[in-house]
Amino acid sequence: MSTLVTGAFGCIGSWVLRGLLAAGERPVVFDASDDPWRARMIAGPDVMERIVFVHGDIADRDRVVSLVREQAIRKIIHLAAWQIPLCRQDPSRGALINVVGTANVFEAARASDGQVERVVYASSAAVFGPPELYPPGPIKNDAPPRPATHYGVYKVANQETARVYWDEHKIASIGFRPLSVYGPGRDVGLTADPTLAMKAAVLGKPFRIRWGGRTDLIYVEDVARAFIKATRSPLGGARVYNLHGVSAAIPDLVRTIEDACPAARGLLTHVEQPIPFPDALDDSLYQKELGPARPTDLPEGVRRTVAEFARLQREGRLDARELP
């Protein structure tokens, strides 16, 4: 069985590769980057010898369609996307990559004449607006979308694209909506700051998280596990699930990082300005239909992340290019 992973050299993608390789698969990777440094860090230094790598642009429909046919792809995990800052800087290119790119993936599945069994893709909790727009408590799976960013708008469009491809062509799909994904390899995007703070703590550098309030933090391995499990699900339809980790205030996160790395006390600060997204997600539908899946608790996830960064630092392999 061949699984295609788009955007596999990103954070979640690298963890998906790790999981697929551990299960004995040889995934096909389609990525615009030819620098697999995250994948080497997370899935192993020999990762390129254990995958089929194809360099390309997700916005090139013909290339995506031909790749799916040539590699006899049966499952697609679609992760290729621009994050919030890049979408804000260039909304037109962001829409091309995030919206047209997703349509290209579904079109490749349709053109495969039944060869592709399902598409699993990354949506985002950015489809929702700030918590004051909703009733108190965790945001329900069926809460109305009120995106506050171009990125969130694009994710709403992708969910609707998935629905139409099921209605018209019976292409089964599952989308996931995490919020603040953290862990080794997370270094791009607004919600990458918690992970960057952990890396700075290991390096003994000061770091200022650019936002505050509360957020729903989920360890990246939990997210990757959900994507892989979804490829094996027999569920039909165009389903979308919230992914919940731990709802935490940024000051509590900072204290948790300091507990895991005491030398960092006093180095980490934050701006007390909430981001325009929910502060907690209700994932009861995910737990019912694809679970049970117990999320990694915050102290354990932080401990694992700090320990991995410390190991990489000892080996001289801790990449800090994204730190100020």
Foldseek 3Di string as FASTA:
>chain_A
DEEEEEPLLAQLNLLLLLVCVVVVDAYEYEYQDPDSLLNCLRNHVCSVVRHHYDHDALLPLVVLLVVCQVVLHAEYEYEFAAAQVVCVVPVVVRLSRLQSSLLSNLVSCLVNVNSHQAYEYEAALLQAWAPVVDPDDADEFPDHGDHPGSSSVSSVNSLVSLQVCCVPPQHFYEYEHEYQEEFRRQQDYLSHQLNLCLLCLLVLAADENAEWDKAFYAYSSLVSVLRVLVRVDPDTGRYYFYDGADIDTVVVSVVLSCVLRVSNPPRYHYDHHHDTGYRTHDGVVCCVRRDDDHTDHRSVRSNNRNVSSNVCVVVVNRDNVSGD
